[in-house]
């Protein structure tokens, strides 16, 4: 029983380490010809939003631009950065040795 608790504790610690590492990855996305920009980290947390004042006159366009910028930020390049970071960290293989 104690070995299982130790194993769970190790998994939690490793999960936290992975979260911390992934938070160092950032990717920018933009929309509306660069008038709306967002930065997202590797945990898919929105780090920042920049909006050109000219976009403030039409709420509907602004809403769409923010969504499009988020999609851009979390697109293919973002996925490639995450994959590379996960490989550097040992990927899912690092979890295999925890039970040993």
C-alpha atoms as a PDB file:
ATOM      1  CA  UNK A   1       0.000   0.000   0.000  1.00  0.00           C
ATOM      2  CA  UNK A   2       2.805   2.401   0.864  1.00  0.00           C
ATOM      3  CA  UNK A   3       4.487   1.708  -2.467  1.00  0.00           C
ATOM      4  CA  UNK A   4       1.277   2.722  -4.262  1.00  0.00           C
ATOM      5  CA  UNK A   5       1.106   5.950  -2.264  1.00  0.00           C
ATOM      6  CA  UNK A   6       4.742   6.628  -3.084  1.00  0.00           C
ATOM      7  CA  UNK A   7       4.014   5.913  -6.740  1.00  0.00           C
ATOM      8  CA  UNK A   8       1.056   8.347  -6.717  1.00  0.00           C
ATOM      9  CA  UNK A   9       3.211  10.992  -5.054  1.00  0.00           C
ATOM     10  CA  UNK A  10       5.891  10.527  -7.732  1.00  0.00           C
ATOM     11  CA  UNK A  11       3.280  10.830 -10.490  1.00  0.00           C
ATOM     12  CA  UNK A  12       1.945  14.042  -8.965  1.00  0.00           C
ATOM     13  CA  UNK A  13       5.439  15.490  -8.684  1.00  0.00           C
ATOM     14  CA  UNK A  14       6.257  14.532 -12.253  1.00  0.00           C
ATOM     15  CA  UNK A  15       2.973  15.980 -13.507  1.00  0.00           C
ATOM     16  CA  UNK A  16       3.740  19.269 -11.776  1.00  0.00           C
ATOM     17  CA  UNK A  17       7.229  19.312 -13.294  1.00  0.00           C
ATOM     18  CA  UNK A  18       5.743  18.726 -16.747  1.00  0.00           C
ATOM     19  CA  UNK A  19       3.237  21.546 -16.228  1.00  0.00           C
ATOM     20  CA  UNK A  20       6.045  23.883 -15.198  1.00  0.00           C
ATOM     21  CA  UNK A  21       8.117  22.955 -18.236  1.00  0.00           C
ATOM     22  CA  UNK A  22       5.183  23.345 -20.613  1.00  0.00           C
ATOM     23  CA  UNK A  23       4.412  26.781 -19.203  1.00  0.00           C
ATOM     24  CA  UNK A  24       7.777  27.940 -20.584  1.00  0.00           C
ATOM     25  CA  UNK A  25       6.567  27.354 -24.149  1.00  0.00           C
ATOM     26  CA  UNK A  26       4.817  30.380 -25.582  1.00  0.00           C
ATOM     27  CA  UNK A  27       3.288  30.951 -28.986  1.00  0.00           C
ATOM     28  CA  UNK A  28       1.735  34.041 -30.513  1.00  0.00           C
ATOM     29  CA  UNK A  29      -1.286  34.092 -32.745  1.00  0.00           C
ATOM     30  CA  UNK A  30      -2.826  37.007 -34.571  1.00  0.00           C
ATOM     31  CA  UNK A  31      -5.921  37.952 -36.540  1.00  0.00           C
ATOM     32  CA  UNK A  32      -7.515  40.917 -38.276  1.00  0.00           C
ATOM     33  CA  UNK A  33      -4.270  41.776 -40.067  1.00  0.00           C
ATOM     34  CA  UNK A  34      -2.322  41.804 -36.804  1.00  0.00           C
ATOM     35  CA  UNK A  35      -4.732  44.081 -34.979  1.00  0.00           C
ATOM     36  CA  UNK A  36      -5.505  41.355 -32.424  1.00  0.00           C
ATOM     37  CA  UNK A  37      -2.686  39.285 -30.930  1.00  0.00           C
ATOM     38  CA  UNK A  38      -2.732  36.639 -28.243  1.00  0.00           C
ATOM     39  CA  UNK A  39       0.043  34.720 -26.521  1.00  0.00           C
ATOM     40  CA  UNK A  40      -0.652  31.220 -25.221  1.00  0.00           C
ATOM     41  CA  UNK A  41       1.642  29.019 -23.130  1.00  0.00           C
ATOM     42  CA  UNK A  42       2.146  25.262 -23.359  1.00  0.00           C
ATOM     43  CA  UNK A  43      -0.622  24.642 -20.843  1.00  0.00           C
ATOM     44  CA  UNK A  44      -3.069  26.405 -23.204  1.00  0.00           C
ATOM     45  CA  UNK A  45      -3.318  29.327 -20.805  1.00  0.00           C
ATOM     46  CA  UNK A  46      -3.872  32.739 -22.322  1.00  0.00           C
ATOM     47  CA  UNK A  47      -0.832  34.795 -21.295  1.00  0.00           C
ATOM     48  CA  UNK A  48      -1.663  38.082 -22.987  1.00  0.00           C
ATOM     49  CA  UNK A  49      -4.045  39.787 -25.389  1.00  0.00           C
ATOM     50  CA  UNK A  50      -3.213  42.879 -27.412  1.00  0.00           C
ATOM     51  CA  UNK A  51      -5.985  44.734 -29.236  1.00  0.00           C
ATOM     52  CA  UNK A  52      -5.543  47.653 -31.588  1.00  0.00           C
ATOM     53  CA  UNK A  53      -7.913  50.478 -30.543  1.00  0.00           C
ATOM     54  CA  UNK A  54      -9.487  50.509 -34.008  1.00  0.00           C
ATOM     55  CA  UNK A  55     -11.005  47.086 -33.227  1.00  0.00           C
ATOM     56  CA  UNK A  56     -12.986  48.445 -30.274  1.00  0.00           C
ATOM     57  CA  UNK A  57     -15.733  49.934 -32.428  1.00  0.00           C
ATOM     58  CA  UNK A  58     -17.263  46.612 -33.499  1.00  0.00           C
ATOM     59  CA  UNK A  59     -17.710  44.059 -30.716  1.00  0.00           C
ATOM     60  CA  UNK A  60     -18.724  41.270 -33.105  1.00  0.00           C
ATOM     61  CA  UNK A  61     -15.588  41.651 -35.253  1.00  0.00           C
ATOM     62  CA  UNK A  62     -13.454  41.848 -32.128  1.00  0.00           C
ATOM     63  CA  UNK A  63     -14.960  38.655 -30.724  1.00  0.00           C
ATOM     64  CA  UNK A  64     -14.264  36.814 -33.971  1.00  0.00           C
ATOM     65  CA  UNK A  65     -10.743  38.213 -34.177  1.00  0.00           C
ATOM     66  CA  UNK A  66      -9.933  37.061 -30.635  1.00  0.00           C
ATOM     67  CA  UNK A  67     -11.203  33.555 -31.425  1.00  0.00           C
ATOM     68  CA  UNK A  68      -9.231  33.480 -34.676  1.00  0.00           C
ATOM     69  CA  UNK A  69      -6.074  34.701 -32.946  1.00  0.00           C
ATOM     70  CA  UNK A  70      -6.442  31.961 -30.315  1.00  0.00           C
ATOM     71  CA  UNK A  71      -6.878  29.345 -33.049  1.00  0.00           C
ATOM     72  CA  UNK A  72      -3.782  30.718 -34.750  1.00  0.00           C
ATOM     73  CA  UNK A  73      -1.785  30.619 -31.501  1.00  0.00           C
ATOM     74  CA  UNK A  74      -2.740  27.007 -30.787  1.00  0.00           C
ATOM     75  CA  UNK A  75      -2.363  25.754 -34.335  1.00  0.00           C
ATOM     76  CA  UNK A  76       0.237  23.622 -36.067  1.00  0.00           C
ATOM     77  CA  UNK A  77       3.360  25.496 -34.919  1.00  0.00           C
ATOM     78  CA  UNK A  78       2.133  25.347 -31.330  1.00  0.00           C
ATOM     79  CA  UNK A  79       1.511  21.608 -31.569  1.00  0.00           C
ATOM     80  CA  UNK A  80       4.995  21.086 -33.004  1.00  0.00           C
ATOM     81  CA  UNK A  81       6.574  23.067 -30.149  1.00  0.00           C
ATOM     82  CA  UNK A  82       4.681  20.971 -27.607  1.00  0.00           C
ATOM     83  CA  UNK A  83       5.690  17.722 -29.306  1.00  0.00           C
ATOM     84  CA  UNK A  84       9.328  18.735 -29.353  1.00  0.00           C
ATOM     85  CA  UNK A  85       9.261  19.733 -25.677  1.00  0.00           C
ATOM     86  CA  UNK A  86       7.555  16.477 -24.702  1.00  0.00           C
ATOM     87  CA  UNK A  87      10.211  14.499 -26.582  1.00  0.00           C
ATOM     88  CA  UNK A  88      12.955  16.465 -24.812  1.00  0.00           C
ATOM     89  CA  UNK A  89      11.323  15.612 -21.495  1.00  0.00           C
ATOM     90  CA  UNK A  90      11.198  11.921 -22.356  1.00  0.00           C
ATOM     91  CA  UNK A  91       7.603  11.840 -23.535  1.00  0.00           C
ATOM     92  CA  UNK A  92       5.344   9.181 -22.079  1.00  0.00           C
ATOM     93  CA  UNK A  93       8.303   6.797 -21.758  1.00  0.00           C
ATOM     94  CA  UNK A  94       9.349   8.563 -18.578  1.00  0.00           C
ATOM     95  CA  UNK A  95       6.137   7.379 -16.918  1.00  0.00           C
ATOM     96  CA  UNK A  96       6.942   3.709 -17.628  1.00  0.00           C
ATOM     97  CA  UNK A  97       9.768   3.558 -15.089  1.00  0.00           C
ATOM     98  CA  UNK A  98       7.793   5.053 -12.213  1.00  0.00           C
ATOM     99  CA  UNK A  99       6.277   1.769 -11.096  1.00  0.00           C
ATOM    100  CA  UNK A 100       9.633  -0.017 -11.014  1.00  0.00           C
END
